[in-house]
Amino acid sequence: METKIEKKFDAVKFAREQKDRLDEMFSKMTKEEILEYLKTKSIERGRVKPSA
């Protein structure tokens, strides 16, 4: 059974590209640099940790 549907957006391909991009970027950073990067990105997006 073959399906020939042309996708406008491929979520799996996008996720893999993002994973590869982050992996390449993080491989050049120290643990502290990675944590600082993630913290600043979280603040930029306006995400707040839920209180424990």
PDB file of N, CA and C in Angstrom:
ATOM      1  N   MET A   1       0.845  -1.180   0.000  1.00  0.00           N
ATOM      2  CA  MET A   1       0.000   0.000   0.000  1.00  0.00           C
ATOM      3  C   MET A   1       0.887   1.237   0.000  1.00  0.00           C
ATOM      4  N   GLU A   2       0.788   2.011  -1.035  1.00  0.00           N
ATOM      5  CA  GLU A   2       1.587   3.235  -1.153  1.00  0.00           C
ATOM      6  C   GLU A   2       0.678   4.451  -1.129  1.00  0.00           C
ATOM      7  N   THR A   3       1.155   5.468  -0.418  1.00  0.00           N
ATOM      8  CA  THR A   3       0.412   6.718  -0.369  1.00  0.00           C
ATOM      9  C   THR A   3       1.281   7.801  -0.970  1.00  0.00           C
ATOM     10  N   LYS A   4       0.762   8.537  -1.903  1.00  0.00           N
ATOM     11  CA  LYS A   4       1.506   9.604  -2.568  1.00  0.00           C
ATOM     12  C   LYS A   4       0.908  10.953  -2.189  1.00  0.00           C
ATOM     13  N   ILE A   5       1.140  11.347  -0.960  1.00  0.00           N
ATOM     14  CA  ILE A   5       0.635  12.636  -0.489  1.00  0.00           C
ATOM     15  C   ILE A   5       1.816  13.588  -0.363  1.00  0.00           C
ATOM     16  N   GLU A   6       1.708  14.728  -0.995  1.00  0.00           N
ATOM     17  CA  GLU A   6       2.754  15.747  -0.904  1.00  0.00           C
ATOM     18  C   GLU A   6       2.505  16.578   0.351  1.00  0.00           C
ATOM     19  N   LYS A   7       3.468  16.530   1.260  1.00  0.00           N
ATOM     20  CA  LYS A   7       3.331  17.271   2.511  1.00  0.00           C
ATOM     21  C   LYS A   7       3.892  18.676   2.349  1.00  0.00           C
ATOM     22  N   LYS A   8       3.163  19.659   2.883  1.00  0.00           N
ATOM     23  CA  LYS A   8       3.670  21.027   2.893  1.00  0.00           C
ATOM     24  C   LYS A   8       4.652  21.200   4.032  1.00  0.00           C
ATOM     25  N   PHE A   9       4.420  20.489   5.132  1.00  0.00           N
ATOM     26  CA  PHE A   9       5.294  20.566   6.291  1.00  0.00           C
ATOM     27  C   PHE A   9       5.491  19.169   6.842  1.00  0.00           C
ATOM     28  N   ASP A  10       6.746  18.752   6.955  1.00  0.00           N
ATOM     29  CA  ASP A  10       7.067  17.437   7.476  1.00  0.00           C
ATOM     30  C   ASP A  10       7.608  17.602   8.890  1.00  0.00           C
ATOM     31  N   ALA A  11       6.811  17.264   9.884  1.00  0.00           N
ATOM     32  CA  ALA A  11       7.169  17.468  11.287  1.00  0.00           C
ATOM     33  C   ALA A  11       8.382  16.634  11.693  1.00  0.00           C
ATOM     34  N   VAL A  12       8.481  15.412  11.212  1.00  0.00           N
ATOM     35  CA  VAL A  12       9.606  14.553  11.570  1.00  0.00           C
ATOM     36  C   VAL A  12      10.906  15.122  11.006  1.00  0.00           C
ATOM     37  N   LYS A  13      10.871  15.551   9.759  1.00  0.00           N
ATOM     38  CA  LYS A  13      12.057  16.143   9.138  1.00  0.00           C
ATOM     39  C   LYS A  13      12.474  17.404   9.886  1.00  0.00           C
ATOM     40  N   PHE A  14      11.510  18.244  10.240  1.00  0.00           N
ATOM     41  CA  PHE A  14      11.789  19.472  10.979  1.00  0.00           C
ATOM     42  C   PHE A  14      12.418  19.163  12.338  1.00  0.00           C
ATOM     43  N   ALA A  15      11.855  18.200  13.064  1.00  0.00           N
ATOM     44  CA  ALA A  15      12.377  17.837  14.380  1.00  0.00           C
ATOM     45  C   ALA A  15      13.812  17.321  14.277  1.00  0.00           C
ATOM     46  N   ARG A  16      14.088  16.522  13.271  1.00  0.00           N
ATOM     47  CA  ARG A  16      15.446  15.997  13.092  1.00  0.00           C
ATOM     48  C   ARG A  16      16.431  17.111  12.742  1.00  0.00           C
ATOM     49  N   GLU A  17      16.000  18.055  11.914  1.00  0.00           N
ATOM     50  CA  GLU A  17      16.874  19.173  11.557  1.00  0.00           C
ATOM     51  C   GLU A  17      17.202  20.024  12.792  1.00  0.00           C
ATOM     52  N   GLN A  18      16.196  20.261  13.637  1.00  0.00           N
ATOM     53  CA  GLN A  18      16.413  21.054  14.843  1.00  0.00           C
ATOM     54  C   GLN A  18      17.331  20.311  15.817  1.00  0.00           C
ATOM     55  N   LYS A  19      17.124  19.008  15.954  1.00  0.00           N
ATOM     56  CA  LYS A  19      17.968  18.200  16.828  1.00  0.00           C
ATOM     57  C   LYS A  19      19.413  18.242  16.363  1.00  0.00           C
ATOM     58  N   ASP A  20      19.626  18.102  15.074  1.00  0.00           N
ATOM     59  CA  ASP A  20      20.981  18.135  14.519  1.00  0.00           C
ATOM     60  C   ASP A  20      21.625  19.505  14.709  1.00  0.00           C
ATOM     61  N   ARG A  21      20.833  20.571  14.522  1.00  0.00           N
ATOM     62  CA  ARG A  21      21.349  21.930  14.689  1.00  0.00           C
ATOM     63  C   ARG A  21      21.773  22.168  16.137  1.00  0.00           C
ATOM     64  N   LEU A  22      20.917  21.776  17.074  1.00  0.00           N
ATOM     65  CA  LEU A  22      21.240  21.972  18.488  1.00  0.00           C
ATOM     66  C   LEU A  22      22.411  21.090  18.913  1.00  0.00           C
ATOM     67  N   ASP A  23      22.456  19.872  18.409  1.00  0.00           N
ATOM     68  CA  ASP A  23      23.546  18.964  18.749  1.00  0.00           C
ATOM     69  C   ASP A  23      24.886  19.545  18.304  1.00  0.00           C
ATOM     70  N   GLU A  24      24.926  20.096  17.116  1.00  0.00           N
ATOM     71  CA  GLU A  24      26.152  20.703  16.609  1.00  0.00           C
ATOM     72  C   GLU A  24      26.554  21.910  17.453  1.00  0.00           C
ATOM     73  N   MET A  25      25.579  22.724  17.797  1.00  0.00           N
ATOM     74  CA  MET A  25      25.852  23.922  18.580  1.00  0.00           C
ATOM     75  C   MET A  25      26.306  23.562  19.999  1.00  0.00           C
ATOM     76  N   PHE A  26      25.605  22.615  20.636  1.00  0.00           N
ATOM     77  CA  PHE A  26      25.928  22.247  22.013  1.00  0.00           C
ATOM     78  C   PHE A  26      27.239  21.476  22.128  1.00  0.00           C
ATOM     79  N   SER A  27      27.651  20.810  21.073  1.00  0.00           N
ATOM     80  CA  SER A  27      28.894  20.042  21.132  1.00  0.00           C
ATOM     81  C   SER A  27      30.113  20.942  21.309  1.00  0.00           C
ATOM     82  N   LYS A  28      29.948  22.232  20.976  1.00  0.00           N
ATOM     83  CA  LYS A  28      31.049  23.185  21.095  1.00  0.00           C
ATOM     84  C   LYS A  28      30.990  23.961  22.411  1.00  0.00           C
ATOM     85  N   MET A  29      29.983  23.677  23.262  1.00  0.00           N
ATOM     86  CA  MET A  29      29.794  24.432  24.488  1.00  0.00           C
ATOM     87  C   MET A  29      30.087  23.578  25.714  1.00  0.00           C
ATOM     88  N   THR A  30      30.380  24.264  26.814  1.00  0.00           N
ATOM     89  CA  THR A  30      30.529  23.569  28.089  1.00  0.00           C
ATOM     90  C   THR A  30      29.140  23.389  28.698  1.00  0.00           C
ATOM     91  N   LYS A  31      29.069  22.587  29.751  1.00  0.00           N
ATOM     92  CA  LYS A  31      27.793  22.353  30.420  1.00  0.00           C
ATOM     93  C   LYS A  31      27.196  23.665  30.923  1.00  0.00           C
ATOM     94  N   GLU A  32      28.034  24.514  31.505  1.00  0.00           N
ATOM     95  CA  GLU A  32      27.559  25.790  32.040  1.00  0.00           C
ATOM     96  C   GLU A  32      27.031  26.692  30.930  1.00  0.00           C
ATOM     97  N   GLU A  33      27.705  26.709  29.784  1.00  0.00           N
ATOM     98  CA  GLU A  33      27.262  27.526  28.649  1.00  0.00           C
ATOM     99  C   GLU A  33      25.920  27.034  28.111  1.00  0.00           C
ATOM    100  N   ILE A  34      25.751  25.732  28.079  1.00  0.00           N
ATOM    101  CA  ILE A  34      24.492  25.159  27.600  1.00  0.00           C
ATOM    102  C   ILE A  34      23.349  25.544  28.529  1.00  0.00           C
ATOM    103  N   LEU A  35      23.566  25.411  29.828  1.00  0.00           N
ATOM    104  CA  LEU A  35      22.522  25.767  30.794  1.00  0.00           C
ATOM    105  C   LEU A  35      22.165  27.242  30.704  1.00  0.00           C
ATOM    106  N   GLU A  36      23.167  28.105  30.547  1.00  0.00           N
ATOM    107  CA  GLU A  36      22.920  29.547  30.426  1.00  0.00           C
ATOM    108  C   GLU A  36      22.141  29.839  29.137  1.00  0.00           C
ATOM    109  N   TYR A  37      22.501  29.193  28.047  1.00  0.00           N
ATOM    110  CA  TYR A  37      21.801  29.366  26.774  1.00  0.00           C
ATOM    111  C   TYR A  37      20.329  28.982  26.917  1.00  0.00           C
ATOM    112  N   LEU A  38      20.073  27.817  27.507  1.00  0.00           N
ATOM    113  CA  LEU A  38      18.700  27.356  27.658  1.00  0.00           C
ATOM    114  C   LEU A  38      17.904  28.267  28.585  1.00  0.00           C
ATOM    115  N   LYS A  39      18.559  28.786  29.611  1.00  0.00           N
ATOM    116  CA  LYS A  39      17.882  29.689  30.538  1.00  0.00           C
ATOM    117  C   LYS A  39      17.479  30.984  29.833  1.00  0.00           C
ATOM    118  N   THR A  40      18.386  31.553  29.038  1.00  0.00           N
ATOM    119  CA  THR A  40      18.067  32.803  28.350  1.00  0.00           C
ATOM    120  C   THR A  40      16.983  32.585  27.294  1.00  0.00           C
ATOM    121  N   LYS A  41      17.020  31.458  26.594  1.00  0.00           N
ATOM    122  CA  LYS A  41      15.992  31.171  25.592  1.00  0.00           C
ATOM    123  C   LYS A  41      14.630  30.993  26.252  1.00  0.00           C
ATOM    124  N   SER A  42      14.601  30.368  27.411  1.00  0.00           N
ATOM    125  CA  SER A  42      13.356  30.169  28.130  1.00  0.00           C
ATOM    126  C   SER A  42      12.757  31.508  28.548  1.00  0.00           C
ATOM    127  N   ILE A  43      13.592  32.414  29.011  1.00  0.00           N
ATOM    128  CA  ILE A  43      13.137  33.740  29.424  1.00  0.00           C
ATOM    129  C   ILE A  43      12.639  34.525  28.209  1.00  0.00           C
ATOM    130  N   GLU A  44      13.364  34.442  27.094  1.00  0.00           N
ATOM    131  CA  GLU A  44      12.964  35.148  25.872  1.00  0.00           C
ATOM    132  C   GLU A  44      11.585  34.709  25.398  1.00  0.00           C
ATOM    133  N   ARG A  45      11.280  33.454  25.552  1.00  0.00           N
ATOM    134  CA  ARG A  45       9.993  32.930  25.080  1.00  0.00           C
ATOM    135  C   ARG A  45       8.881  33.160  26.092  1.00  0.00           C
ATOM    136  N   GLY A  46       9.241  33.653  27.273  1.00  0.00           N
ATOM    137  CA  GLY A  46       8.234  33.949  28.280  1.00  0.00           C
ATOM    138  C   GLY A  46       7.728  32.738  29.027  1.00  0.00           C
ATOM    139  N   ARG A  47       8.506  31.675  29.019  1.00  0.00           N
ATOM    140  CA  ARG A  47       8.092  30.465  29.730  1.00  0.00           C
ATOM    141  C   ARG A  47       8.509  30.581  31.189  1.00  0.00           C
ATOM    142  N   VAL A  48       7.653  30.118  32.035  1.00  0.00           N
ATOM    143  CA  VAL A  48       7.912  30.169  33.464  1.00  0.00           C
ATOM    144  C   VAL A  48       7.813  28.760  34.009  1.00  0.00           C
ATOM    145  N   LYS A  49       8.763  28.389  34.859  1.00  0.00           N
ATOM    146  CA  LYS A  49       8.705  27.082  35.490  1.00  0.00           C
ATOM    147  C   LYS A  49       7.530  27.033  36.455  1.00  0.00           C
ATOM    148  N   PRO A  50       6.833  25.927  36.498  1.00  0.00           N
ATOM    149  CA  PRO A  50       5.768  25.817  37.480  1.00  0.00           C
ATOM    150  C   PRO A  50       6.377  25.705  38.881  1.00  0.00           C
ATOM    151  N   SER A  51       5.693  26.257  39.861  1.00  0.00           N
ATOM    152  CA  SER A  51       6.228  26.163  41.218  1.00  0.00           C
ATOM    153  C   SER A  51       6.075  24.743  41.727  1.00  0.00           C
ATOM    154  N   ALA A  52       7.057  24.307  42.478  1.00  0.00           N
ATOM    155  CA  ALA A  52       7.050  22.911  42.949  1.00  0.00           C
ATOM    156  C   ALA A  52       6.335  22.792  44.270  1.00  0.00           C
TER     157      ALA A  52
END
